[in-house]
Amino acid sequence: MPAPITEEQQRLDRESLLDAAERLFYERGVQAVGMDAVRAASGLPLRRIYQSFATKEDLVVATLRRRDLRWRGELAAHVERVPELPDPRERVLAVFDWLAEWFAQPGFRGCAWINAHGELGSSSPAILAEVRAHKRAFHDQLARWVRATGVPVVEPVYLLAEGAIVTAGINADPTPARHARTAAAALLGMS
């Protein structure tokens, strides 16, 4: 009889599984990746995978949720390294600098949430809810930095960021971040 799996091993296996699934879903698309591919990439038996996530949909939601926390955390760390004073508008522009760096990363395939929505958003209420939660959280995060400027342009700046993300994903080119940054600077009265 095999030894029982410790809580620590369960945690490590879950992280390994989420790493593998997130990479595969982002690289190939959710529908193109079967659970056998997730099993092979994670090194875990299907039985263990399904003990952690009853369905593939549950696994997709978990990867999106974890990616959201990491993505917004990295964005916040970058932006908040920029001093808020004397000019809080620099923090807003730092968002677009971070986006440009993200767009230029090898393997960039656009927005994981938009991609998941395009594939499954109309057929999966759970995935649609996760996509909406991410977009709302990103909007609220960006809104705090924009509101600190005193210029009432939250929605246009948010749309510039989202448009840059989608355009960069489609064109595989980081240039949209630079164009969006220029437009955001104009909205903030910096040009």
N, C-alpha and C. Protein backbone atom coordinates (compact mmCIF):
# COMPACT_ATOMS: atom_id res chain seq x y z
N MET A 1 0.85 -1.18 0.00
CA MET A 1 0.00 0.00 0.00
C MET A 1 0.90 1.24 0.00
N PRO A 2 0.64 2.17 -0.93
CA PRO A 2 1.46 3.37 -0.97
C PRO A 2 1.22 4.26 0.25
N ALA A 3 2.24 5.04 0.58
CA ALA A 3 2.14 5.96 1.72
C ALA A 3 1.14 7.06 1.38
N PRO A 4 0.40 7.54 2.38
CA PRO A 4 -0.55 8.64 2.11
C PRO A 4 0.21 9.89 1.66
N ILE A 5 -0.47 10.67 0.85
CA ILE A 5 0.12 11.90 0.33
C ILE A 5 -0.04 13.00 1.38
N THR A 6 1.06 13.66 1.70
CA THR A 6 1.03 14.72 2.71
C THR A 6 0.36 15.97 2.15
N GLU A 7 -0.07 16.84 3.05
CA GLU A 7 -0.65 18.11 2.62
C GLU A 7 0.35 18.92 1.80
N GLU A 8 1.61 18.90 2.22
CA GLU A 8 2.64 19.63 1.48
C GLU A 8 2.78 19.07 0.07
N GLN A 9 2.76 17.75 -0.07
CA GLN A 9 2.86 17.15 -1.40
C GLN A 9 1.64 17.48 -2.23
N GLN A 10 0.47 17.51 -1.61
CA GLN A 10 -0.74 17.89 -2.33
C GLN A 10 -0.63 19.33 -2.84
N ARG A 11 -0.09 20.21 -1.99
CA ARG A 11 0.08 21.61 -2.39
C ARG A 11 1.06 21.71 -3.56
N LEU A 12 2.18 21.00 -3.46
CA LEU A 12 3.18 21.03 -4.53
C LEU A 12 2.60 20.45 -5.83
N ASP A 13 1.86 19.36 -5.71
CA ASP A 13 1.24 18.75 -6.90
C ASP A 13 0.24 19.71 -7.54
N ARG A 14 -0.55 20.39 -6.69
CA ARG A 14 -1.53 21.35 -7.22
C ARG A 14 -0.83 22.48 -7.97
N GLU A 15 0.25 23.00 -7.40
CA GLU A 15 0.99 24.08 -8.07
C GLU A 15 1.59 23.59 -9.39
N SER A 16 2.15 22.39 -9.38
CA SER A 16 2.71 21.81 -10.60
C SER A 16 1.63 21.62 -11.66
N LEU A 17 0.48 21.14 -11.24
CA LEU A 17 -0.65 20.96 -12.14
C LEU A 17 -1.11 22.30 -12.72
N LEU A 18 -1.26 23.30 -11.86
CA LEU A 18 -1.69 24.62 -12.34
C LEU A 18 -0.66 25.24 -13.27
N ASP A 19 0.63 25.07 -12.95
CA ASP A 19 1.68 25.58 -13.84
C ASP A 19 1.56 24.96 -15.22
N ALA A 20 1.45 23.63 -15.26
CA ALA A 20 1.38 22.92 -16.53
C ALA A 20 0.13 23.30 -17.31
N ALA A 21 -1.02 23.31 -16.63
CA ALA A 21 -2.28 23.63 -17.31
C ALA A 21 -2.28 25.07 -17.82
N GLU A 22 -1.82 25.98 -17.00
CA GLU A 22 -1.81 27.39 -17.43
C GLU A 22 -0.93 27.58 -18.66
N ARG A 23 0.25 26.96 -18.64
CA ARG A 23 1.16 27.09 -19.79
C ARG A 23 0.51 26.51 -21.05
N LEU A 24 -0.05 25.32 -20.94
CA LEU A 24 -0.67 24.68 -22.10
C LEU A 24 -1.87 25.46 -22.61
N PHE A 25 -2.75 25.87 -21.72
CA PHE A 25 -3.95 26.61 -22.12
C PHE A 25 -3.57 27.92 -22.80
N TYR A 26 -2.55 28.60 -22.27
CA TYR A 26 -2.14 29.88 -22.84
C TYR A 26 -1.45 29.68 -24.20
N GLU A 27 -0.60 28.67 -24.30
CA GLU A 27 0.12 28.43 -25.54
C GLU A 27 -0.77 27.90 -26.66
N ARG A 28 -1.67 26.98 -26.34
CA ARG A 28 -2.42 26.26 -27.38
C ARG A 28 -3.90 26.59 -27.43
N GLY A 29 -4.44 27.13 -26.35
CA GLY A 29 -5.87 27.34 -26.25
C GLY A 29 -6.49 26.26 -25.39
N VAL A 30 -7.56 26.58 -24.72
CA VAL A 30 -8.19 25.66 -23.78
C VAL A 30 -8.76 24.45 -24.50
N GLN A 31 -9.49 24.68 -25.58
CA GLN A 31 -10.15 23.58 -26.25
C GLN A 31 -9.18 22.63 -26.94
N ALA A 32 -8.02 23.13 -27.33
CA ALA A 32 -7.03 22.31 -28.01
C ALA A 32 -6.25 21.40 -27.06
N VAL A 33 -6.36 21.65 -25.78
CA VAL A 33 -5.60 20.89 -24.79
C VAL A 33 -6.51 19.90 -24.08
N GLY A 34 -6.21 18.62 -24.26
CA GLY A 34 -6.96 17.58 -23.56
C GLY A 34 -6.35 17.32 -22.20
N MET A 35 -7.09 16.62 -21.39
CA MET A 35 -6.61 16.32 -20.04
C MET A 35 -5.41 15.37 -20.08
N ASP A 36 -5.28 14.57 -21.12
CA ASP A 36 -4.09 13.72 -21.24
C ASP A 36 -2.84 14.57 -21.42
N ALA A 37 -2.95 15.67 -22.15
CA ALA A 37 -1.80 16.57 -22.31
C ALA A 37 -1.46 17.23 -20.97
N VAL A 38 -2.47 17.60 -20.20
CA VAL A 38 -2.24 18.18 -18.87
C VAL A 38 -1.57 17.14 -17.98
N ARG A 39 -2.05 15.90 -18.04
CA ARG A 39 -1.45 14.82 -17.26
C ARG A 39 0.02 14.65 -17.63
N ALA A 40 0.31 14.59 -18.91
CA ALA A 40 1.69 14.39 -19.35
C ALA A 40 2.58 15.55 -18.92
N ALA A 41 2.09 16.78 -19.06
CA ALA A 41 2.90 17.95 -18.72
C ALA A 41 3.11 18.10 -17.21
N SER A 42 2.12 17.70 -16.44
CA SER A 42 2.23 17.85 -14.98
C SER A 42 2.91 16.66 -14.32
N GLY A 43 2.90 15.51 -15.00
CA GLY A 43 3.47 14.31 -14.42
C GLY A 43 2.58 13.67 -13.37
N LEU A 44 1.34 14.11 -13.29
CA LEU A 44 0.39 13.56 -12.31
C LEU A 44 -0.60 12.63 -12.99
N PRO A 45 -1.00 11.58 -12.31
CA PRO A 45 -2.02 10.70 -12.89
C PRO A 45 -3.37 11.42 -12.97
N LEU A 46 -4.16 11.04 -13.96
CA LEU A 46 -5.48 11.67 -14.14
C LEU A 46 -6.32 11.58 -12.87
N ARG A 47 -6.23 10.48 -12.17
CA ARG A 47 -7.01 10.31 -10.95
C ARG A 47 -6.68 11.43 -9.95
N ARG A 48 -5.41 11.75 -9.78
CA ARG A 48 -5.00 12.82 -8.86
C ARG A 48 -5.47 14.19 -9.37
N ILE A 49 -5.40 14.37 -10.68
CA ILE A 49 -5.86 15.65 -11.25
C ILE A 49 -7.33 15.84 -10.95
N TYR A 50 -8.13 14.81 -11.20
CA TYR A 50 -9.57 14.93 -10.99
C TYR A 50 -9.94 14.96 -9.51
N GLN A 51 -9.05 14.53 -8.64
CA GLN A 51 -9.30 14.71 -7.20
C GLN A 51 -9.17 16.18 -6.82
N SER A 52 -8.29 16.89 -7.52
CA SER A 52 -8.11 18.33 -7.26
C SER A 52 -9.14 19.18 -7.98
N PHE A 53 -9.46 18.79 -9.22
CA PHE A 53 -10.38 19.56 -10.05
C PHE A 53 -11.34 18.58 -10.71
N ALA A 54 -12.60 18.65 -10.33
CA ALA A 54 -13.58 17.67 -10.81
C ALA A 54 -13.78 17.73 -12.32
N THR A 55 -13.59 18.94 -12.90
CA THR A 55 -13.79 19.09 -14.34
C THR A 55 -12.67 19.94 -14.93
N LYS A 56 -12.54 19.86 -16.24
CA LYS A 56 -11.58 20.71 -16.93
C LYS A 56 -11.96 22.18 -16.74
N GLU A 57 -13.24 22.47 -16.73
CA GLU A 57 -13.70 23.84 -16.50
C GLU A 57 -13.20 24.36 -15.15
N ASP A 58 -13.26 23.52 -14.11
CA ASP A 58 -12.76 23.92 -12.79
C ASP A 58 -11.26 24.23 -12.86
N LEU A 59 -10.54 23.44 -13.61
CA LEU A 59 -9.10 23.66 -13.77
C LEU A 59 -8.83 24.97 -14.51
N VAL A 60 -9.58 25.25 -15.55
CA VAL A 60 -9.42 26.50 -16.30
C VAL A 60 -9.69 27.69 -15.38
N VAL A 61 -10.77 27.64 -14.63
CA VAL A 61 -11.10 28.74 -13.70
C VAL A 61 -9.97 28.94 -12.70
N ALA A 62 -9.44 27.86 -12.16
CA ALA A 62 -8.35 27.96 -11.18
C ALA A 62 -7.10 28.57 -11.80
N THR A 63 -6.79 28.21 -13.04
CA THR A 63 -5.60 28.79 -13.68
C THR A 63 -5.81 30.28 -13.94
N LEU A 64 -7.00 30.65 -14.36
CA LEU A 64 -7.28 32.08 -14.60
C LEU A 64 -7.23 32.87 -13.31
N ARG A 65 -7.79 32.31 -12.25
CA ARG A 65 -7.81 33.01 -10.95
C ARG A 65 -6.39 33.22 -10.43
N ARG A 66 -5.58 32.18 -10.52
CA ARG A 66 -4.20 32.29 -10.05
C ARG A 66 -3.41 33.26 -10.93
N ARG A 67 -3.62 33.20 -12.24
CA ARG A 67 -2.92 34.10 -13.15
C ARG A 67 -3.31 35.55 -12.87
N ASP A 68 -4.57 35.78 -12.56
CA ASP A 68 -5.04 37.13 -12.24
C ASP A 68 -4.26 37.71 -11.06
N LEU A 69 -4.14 36.94 -10.00
CA LEU A 69 -3.43 37.44 -8.83
C LEU A 69 -1.97 37.77 -9.15
N ARG A 70 -1.33 36.91 -9.91
CA ARG A 70 0.07 37.13 -10.28
C ARG A 70 0.20 38.33 -11.23
N TRP A 71 -0.64 38.38 -12.25
CA TRP A 71 -0.58 39.42 -13.27
C TRP A 71 -0.80 40.80 -12.64
N ARG A 72 -1.87 40.94 -11.86
CA ARG A 72 -2.15 42.24 -11.24
C ARG A 72 -1.12 42.58 -10.18
N GLY A 73 -0.58 41.57 -9.51
CA GLY A 73 0.47 41.81 -8.52
C GLY A 73 1.74 42.34 -9.17
N GLU A 74 2.13 41.75 -10.29
CA GLU A 74 3.31 42.21 -11.01
C GLU A 74 3.10 43.63 -11.55
N LEU A 75 1.91 43.89 -12.06
CA LEU A 75 1.60 45.24 -12.55
C LEU A 75 1.69 46.24 -11.40
N ALA A 76 1.09 45.94 -10.28
CA ALA A 76 1.11 46.85 -9.13
C ALA A 76 2.54 47.09 -8.65
N ALA A 77 3.34 46.04 -8.58
CA ALA A 77 4.72 46.20 -8.13
C ALA A 77 5.48 47.14 -9.06
N HIS A 78 5.26 47.01 -10.36
CA HIS A 78 5.93 47.88 -11.33
C HIS A 78 5.46 49.33 -11.16
N VAL A 79 4.16 49.53 -11.15
CA VAL A 79 3.60 50.89 -11.09
C VAL A 79 3.96 51.57 -9.77
N GLU A 80 3.90 50.85 -8.69
CA GLU A 80 4.11 51.47 -7.39
C GLU A 80 5.58 51.74 -7.08
N ARG A 81 6.47 51.28 -7.95
CA ARG A 81 7.88 51.69 -7.83
C ARG A 81 8.07 53.13 -8.32
N VAL A 82 7.11 53.63 -9.09
CA VAL A 82 7.15 55.00 -9.58
C VAL A 82 6.59 55.90 -8.48
N PRO A 83 7.35 56.92 -8.07
CA PRO A 83 6.85 57.79 -7.00
C PRO A 83 5.54 58.48 -7.41
N GLU A 84 4.60 58.51 -6.46
CA GLU A 84 3.32 59.16 -6.74
C GLU A 84 3.48 60.68 -6.79
N LEU A 85 4.42 61.19 -6.05
CA LEU A 85 4.66 62.63 -6.04
C LEU A 85 6.01 62.91 -6.69
N PRO A 86 6.17 63.94 -7.43
CA PRO A 86 5.28 65.10 -7.54
C PRO A 86 4.15 64.93 -8.55
N ASP A 87 4.17 63.88 -9.39
CA ASP A 87 3.17 63.80 -10.45
C ASP A 87 2.59 62.39 -10.53
N PRO A 88 1.38 62.18 -10.00
CA PRO A 88 0.77 60.86 -10.02
C PRO A 88 0.45 60.35 -11.42
N ARG A 89 0.49 61.23 -12.41
CA ARG A 89 0.22 60.81 -13.78
C ARG A 89 1.31 59.85 -14.28
N GLU A 90 2.51 59.94 -13.72
CA GLU A 90 3.59 59.04 -14.13
C GLU A 90 3.26 57.59 -13.82
N ARG A 91 2.51 57.37 -12.74
CA ARG A 91 2.11 55.99 -12.41
C ARG A 91 1.16 55.43 -13.47
N VAL A 92 0.27 56.27 -13.96
CA VAL A 92 -0.65 55.81 -15.01
C VAL A 92 0.15 55.44 -16.26
N LEU A 93 1.10 56.26 -16.62
CA LEU A 93 1.92 55.96 -17.80
C LEU A 93 2.77 54.71 -17.58
N ALA A 94 3.14 54.45 -16.33
CA ALA A 94 3.92 53.25 -16.02
C ALA A 94 3.14 51.98 -16.33
N VAL A 95 1.81 52.06 -16.28
CA VAL A 95 0.99 50.91 -16.67
C VAL A 95 1.31 50.51 -18.10
N PHE A 96 1.39 51.49 -18.97
CA PHE A 96 1.63 51.23 -20.39
C PHE A 96 3.06 50.77 -20.63
N ASP A 97 3.99 51.24 -19.82
CA ASP A 97 5.37 50.75 -19.91
C ASP A 97 5.42 49.27 -19.54
N TRP A 98 4.70 48.91 -18.49
CA TRP A 98 4.65 47.50 -18.08
C TRP A 98 3.98 46.65 -19.15
N LEU A 99 2.90 47.17 -19.72
CA LEU A 99 2.24 46.42 -20.80
C LEU A 99 3.20 46.19 -21.96
N ALA A 100 3.99 47.19 -22.32
CA ALA A 100 4.95 47.03 -23.42
C ALA A 100 5.95 45.92 -23.11
N GLU A 101 6.41 45.87 -21.87
CA GLU A 101 7.34 44.81 -21.47
C GLU A 101 6.67 43.44 -21.57
N TRP A 102 5.42 43.36 -21.12
CA TRP A 102 4.68 42.10 -21.18
C TRP A 102 4.48 41.67 -22.64
N PHE A 103 4.07 42.61 -23.49
CA PHE A 103 3.82 42.30 -24.89
C PHE A 103 5.09 41.79 -25.59
N ALA A 104 6.24 42.25 -25.15
CA ALA A 104 7.51 41.87 -25.80
C ALA A 104 8.07 40.54 -25.29
N GLN A 105 7.45 39.96 -24.28
CA GLN A 105 7.95 38.70 -23.74
C GLN A 105 7.79 37.57 -24.76
N PRO A 106 8.78 36.67 -24.82
CA PRO A 106 8.63 35.51 -25.70
C PRO A 106 7.39 34.70 -25.29
N GLY A 107 6.64 34.26 -26.26
CA GLY A 107 5.45 33.46 -25.97
C GLY A 107 4.21 34.27 -25.67
N PHE A 108 4.28 35.61 -25.76
CA PHE A 108 3.09 36.44 -25.51
C PHE A 108 2.01 36.06 -26.54
N ARG A 109 0.84 35.72 -26.02
CA ARG A 109 -0.29 35.34 -26.88
C ARG A 109 -1.54 36.15 -26.54
N GLY A 110 -1.34 37.36 -26.09
CA GLY A 110 -2.48 38.19 -25.77
C GLY A 110 -3.00 37.94 -24.37
N CYS A 111 -4.20 38.35 -24.15
CA CYS A 111 -4.85 38.28 -22.84
C CYS A 111 -5.44 36.89 -22.61
N ALA A 112 -4.99 36.22 -21.58
CA ALA A 112 -5.49 34.88 -21.27
C ALA A 112 -7.00 34.88 -21.03
N TRP A 113 -7.53 35.96 -20.47
CA TRP A 113 -8.95 36.04 -20.15
C TRP A 113 -9.78 36.28 -21.41
N ILE A 114 -9.29 37.15 -22.28
CA ILE A 114 -9.97 37.35 -23.57
C ILE A 114 -9.93 36.06 -24.39
N ASN A 115 -8.78 35.39 -24.37
CA ASN A 115 -8.66 34.13 -25.10
C ASN A 115 -9.65 33.10 -24.57
N ALA A 116 -9.73 32.95 -23.25
CA ALA A 116 -10.66 31.99 -22.65
C ALA A 116 -12.10 32.39 -22.94
N HIS A 117 -12.37 33.68 -22.88
CA HIS A 117 -13.73 34.16 -23.18
C HIS A 117 -14.09 33.84 -24.62
N GLY A 118 -13.16 34.06 -25.54
CA GLY A 118 -13.41 33.77 -26.95
C GLY A 118 -13.71 32.30 -27.19
N GLU A 119 -13.04 31.45 -26.46
CA GLU A 119 -13.25 30.02 -26.63
C GLU A 119 -14.48 29.49 -25.90
N LEU A 120 -14.70 29.95 -24.68
CA LEU A 120 -15.70 29.30 -23.82
C LEU A 120 -16.65 30.25 -23.10
N GLY A 121 -16.46 31.55 -23.25
CA GLY A 121 -17.26 32.49 -22.48
C GLY A 121 -18.75 32.38 -22.70
N SER A 122 -19.16 32.01 -23.91
CA SER A 122 -20.60 31.92 -24.18
C SER A 122 -21.19 30.60 -23.69
N SER A 123 -20.34 29.61 -23.44
CA SER A 123 -20.87 28.31 -23.03
C SER A 123 -20.55 27.93 -21.59
N SER A 124 -19.73 28.73 -20.91
CA SER A 124 -19.34 28.41 -19.55
C SER A 124 -19.58 29.60 -18.63
N PRO A 125 -20.65 29.57 -17.86
CA PRO A 125 -20.88 30.66 -16.91
C PRO A 125 -19.73 30.84 -15.92
N ALA A 126 -19.08 29.76 -15.52
CA ALA A 126 -17.98 29.87 -14.55
C ALA A 126 -16.78 30.60 -15.16
N ILE A 127 -16.45 30.29 -16.40
CA ILE A 127 -15.33 30.97 -17.06
C ILE A 127 -15.70 32.42 -17.35
N LEU A 128 -16.92 32.66 -17.80
CA LEU A 128 -17.37 34.03 -18.03
C LEU A 128 -17.28 34.85 -16.75
N ALA A 129 -17.69 34.27 -15.63
CA ALA A 129 -17.62 34.98 -14.34
C ALA A 129 -16.18 35.29 -13.97
N GLU A 130 -15.27 34.36 -14.22
CA GLU A 130 -13.86 34.59 -13.89
C GLU A 130 -13.26 35.67 -14.78
N VAL A 131 -13.60 35.66 -16.06
CA VAL A 131 -13.12 36.70 -16.98
C VAL A 131 -13.64 38.06 -16.53
N ARG A 132 -14.90 38.14 -16.22
CA ARG A 132 -15.49 39.41 -15.78
C ARG A 132 -14.86 39.89 -14.47
N ALA A 133 -14.57 38.95 -13.57
CA ALA A 133 -13.95 39.32 -12.30
C ALA A 133 -12.55 39.90 -12.54
N HIS A 134 -11.79 39.30 -13.44
CA HIS A 134 -10.46 39.82 -13.75
C HIS A 134 -10.55 41.22 -14.36
N LYS A 135 -11.43 41.38 -15.33
CA LYS A 135 -11.54 42.68 -16.01
C LYS A 135 -12.01 43.76 -15.02
N ARG A 136 -12.91 43.41 -14.15
CA ARG A 136 -13.38 44.36 -13.12
C ARG A 136 -12.23 44.73 -12.17
N ALA A 137 -11.47 43.72 -11.76
CA ALA A 137 -10.35 43.98 -10.84
C ALA A 137 -9.28 44.83 -11.50
N PHE A 138 -8.98 44.55 -12.77
CA PHE A 138 -8.00 45.38 -13.49
C PHE A 138 -8.52 46.80 -13.63
N HIS A 139 -9.78 46.95 -13.98
CA HIS A 139 -10.39 48.28 -14.10
C HIS A 139 -10.26 49.04 -12.78
N ASP A 140 -10.60 48.38 -11.68
CA ASP A 140 -10.55 49.05 -10.38
C ASP A 140 -9.12 49.41 -9.99
N GLN A 141 -8.19 48.54 -10.31
CA GLN A 141 -6.77 48.80 -10.02
C GLN A 141 -6.29 50.03 -10.81
N LEU A 142 -6.58 50.05 -12.08
CA LEU A 142 -6.19 51.18 -12.93
C LEU A 142 -6.92 52.45 -12.49
N ALA A 143 -8.18 52.32 -12.13
CA ALA A 143 -8.97 53.48 -11.71
C ALA A 143 -8.35 54.18 -10.50
N ARG A 144 -7.79 53.42 -9.55
CA ARG A 144 -7.16 54.05 -8.37
C ARG A 144 -6.01 54.95 -8.81
N TRP A 145 -5.19 54.48 -9.74
CA TRP A 145 -4.05 55.28 -10.20
C TRP A 145 -4.51 56.49 -11.00
N VAL A 146 -5.54 56.30 -11.83
CA VAL A 146 -6.04 57.43 -12.62
C VAL A 146 -6.71 58.46 -11.72
N ARG A 147 -7.52 58.03 -10.79
CA ARG A 147 -8.21 58.97 -9.89
C ARG A 147 -7.23 59.80 -9.07
N ALA A 148 -6.08 59.23 -8.74
CA ALA A 148 -5.07 59.98 -7.98
C ALA A 148 -4.55 61.18 -8.76
N THR A 149 -4.75 61.19 -10.06
CA THR A 149 -4.29 62.33 -10.88
C THR A 149 -5.25 63.50 -10.80
N GLY A 150 -6.49 63.24 -10.41
CA GLY A 150 -7.50 64.30 -10.37
C GLY A 150 -8.12 64.57 -11.73
N VAL A 151 -7.71 63.84 -12.76
CA VAL A 151 -8.26 64.03 -14.11
C VAL A 151 -9.31 62.93 -14.33
N PRO A 152 -10.55 63.31 -14.68
CA PRO A 152 -11.63 62.32 -14.78
C PRO A 152 -11.60 61.54 -16.10
N VAL A 153 -10.61 60.66 -16.25
CA VAL A 153 -10.46 59.92 -17.51
C VAL A 153 -10.30 58.41 -17.27
N VAL A 154 -10.91 57.90 -16.23
CA VAL A 154 -10.74 56.47 -15.91
C VAL A 154 -11.16 55.60 -17.09
N GLU A 155 -12.36 55.79 -17.60
CA GLU A 155 -12.86 54.90 -18.66
C GLU A 155 -12.03 54.98 -19.94
N PRO A 156 -11.69 56.17 -20.43
CA PRO A 156 -10.86 56.21 -21.64
C PRO A 156 -9.48 55.56 -21.44
N VAL A 157 -8.87 55.76 -20.29
CA VAL A 157 -7.56 55.16 -20.03
C VAL A 157 -7.69 53.64 -19.95
N TYR A 158 -8.74 53.16 -19.30
CA TYR A 158 -8.98 51.72 -19.23
C TYR A 158 -9.16 51.14 -20.64
N LEU A 159 -9.94 51.80 -21.45
CA LEU A 159 -10.16 51.32 -22.82
C LEU A 159 -8.88 51.35 -23.64
N LEU A 160 -8.02 52.33 -23.40
CA LEU A 160 -6.72 52.35 -24.08
C LEU A 160 -5.89 51.14 -23.69
N ALA A 161 -5.87 50.82 -22.41
CA ALA A 161 -5.11 49.66 -21.94
C ALA A 161 -5.67 48.38 -22.53
N GLU A 162 -6.98 48.19 -22.44
CA GLU A 162 -7.60 46.97 -22.98
C GLU A 162 -7.40 46.88 -24.50
N GLY A 163 -7.55 47.99 -25.18
CA GLY A 163 -7.34 47.98 -26.64
C GLY A 163 -5.91 47.63 -27.00
N ALA A 164 -4.96 48.14 -26.24
CA ALA A 164 -3.56 47.82 -26.49
C ALA A 164 -3.30 46.33 -26.28
N ILE A 165 -3.90 45.76 -25.23
CA ILE A 165 -3.71 44.34 -24.93
C ILE A 165 -4.25 43.49 -26.08
N VAL A 166 -5.45 43.78 -26.52
CA VAL A 166 -6.07 42.99 -27.59
C VAL A 166 -5.29 43.16 -28.90
N THR A 167 -4.94 44.38 -29.24
CA THR A 167 -4.23 44.63 -30.49
C THR A 167 -2.85 43.98 -30.49
N ALA A 168 -2.14 44.08 -29.38
CA ALA A 168 -0.82 43.46 -29.29
C ALA A 168 -0.93 41.94 -29.40
N GLY A 169 -1.97 41.37 -28.81
CA GLY A 169 -2.17 39.93 -28.91
C GLY A 169 -2.44 39.47 -30.32
N ILE A 170 -3.23 40.24 -31.05
CA ILE A 170 -3.56 39.88 -32.43
C ILE A 170 -2.36 40.08 -33.35
N ASN A 171 -1.65 41.19 -33.18
CA ASN A 171 -0.56 41.53 -34.09
C ASN A 171 0.80 41.02 -33.66
N ALA A 172 0.90 40.46 -32.45
CA ALA A 172 2.19 39.99 -31.92
C ALA A 172 3.24 41.09 -32.01
N ASP A 173 2.85 42.27 -31.51
CA ASP A 173 3.70 43.46 -31.62
C ASP A 173 3.47 44.33 -30.39
N PRO A 174 4.54 44.74 -29.70
CA PRO A 174 4.36 45.57 -28.49
C PRO A 174 4.05 47.04 -28.78
N THR A 175 4.07 47.45 -30.02
CA THR A 175 3.87 48.85 -30.38
C THR A 175 2.56 49.46 -29.83
N PRO A 176 1.45 48.72 -29.78
CA PRO A 176 0.22 49.33 -29.27
C PRO A 176 0.37 49.92 -27.86
N ALA A 177 1.23 49.38 -27.05
CA ALA A 177 1.42 49.95 -25.70
C ALA A 177 1.99 51.35 -25.79
N ARG A 178 2.91 51.56 -26.71
CA ARG A 178 3.50 52.89 -26.88
C ARG A 178 2.45 53.89 -27.38
N HIS A 179 1.65 53.47 -28.36
CA HIS A 179 0.60 54.35 -28.88
C HIS A 179 -0.43 54.67 -27.80
N ALA A 180 -0.82 53.66 -27.02
CA ALA A 180 -1.79 53.88 -25.95
C ALA A 180 -1.20 54.79 -24.88
N ARG A 181 0.09 54.65 -24.60
CA ARG A 181 0.75 55.52 -23.61
C ARG A 181 0.69 56.97 -24.07
N THR A 182 0.97 57.20 -25.33
CA THR A 182 0.92 58.56 -25.89
C THR A 182 -0.49 59.14 -25.77
N ALA A 183 -1.50 58.33 -26.08
CA ALA A 183 -2.88 58.79 -25.98
C ALA A 183 -3.27 59.06 -24.52
N ALA A 184 -2.83 58.19 -23.62
CA ALA A 184 -3.12 58.38 -22.19
C ALA A 184 -2.47 59.67 -21.69
N ALA A 185 -1.25 59.93 -22.12
CA ALA A 185 -0.56 61.17 -21.71
C ALA A 185 -1.36 62.38 -22.18
N ALA A 186 -1.89 62.32 -23.38
CA ALA A 186 -2.70 63.44 -23.89
C ALA A 186 -3.96 63.60 -23.05
N LEU A 187 -4.63 62.49 -22.72
CA LEU A 187 -5.83 62.57 -21.88
C LEU A 187 -5.53 63.16 -20.51
N LEU A 188 -4.34 62.86 -20.01
CA LEU A 188 -3.94 63.37 -18.70
C LEU A 188 -3.36 64.77 -18.75
N GLY A 189 -3.34 65.37 -19.95
CA GLY A 189 -2.83 66.74 -20.09
C GLY A 189 -1.32 66.84 -20.02
N MET A 190 -0.63 65.80 -20.48
CA MET A 190 0.83 65.79 -20.38
C MET A 190 1.51 66.06 -21.71
N SER A 191 0.74 66.29 -22.75
CA SER A 191 1.39 66.51 -24.05
C SER A 191 1.35 67.96 -24.48
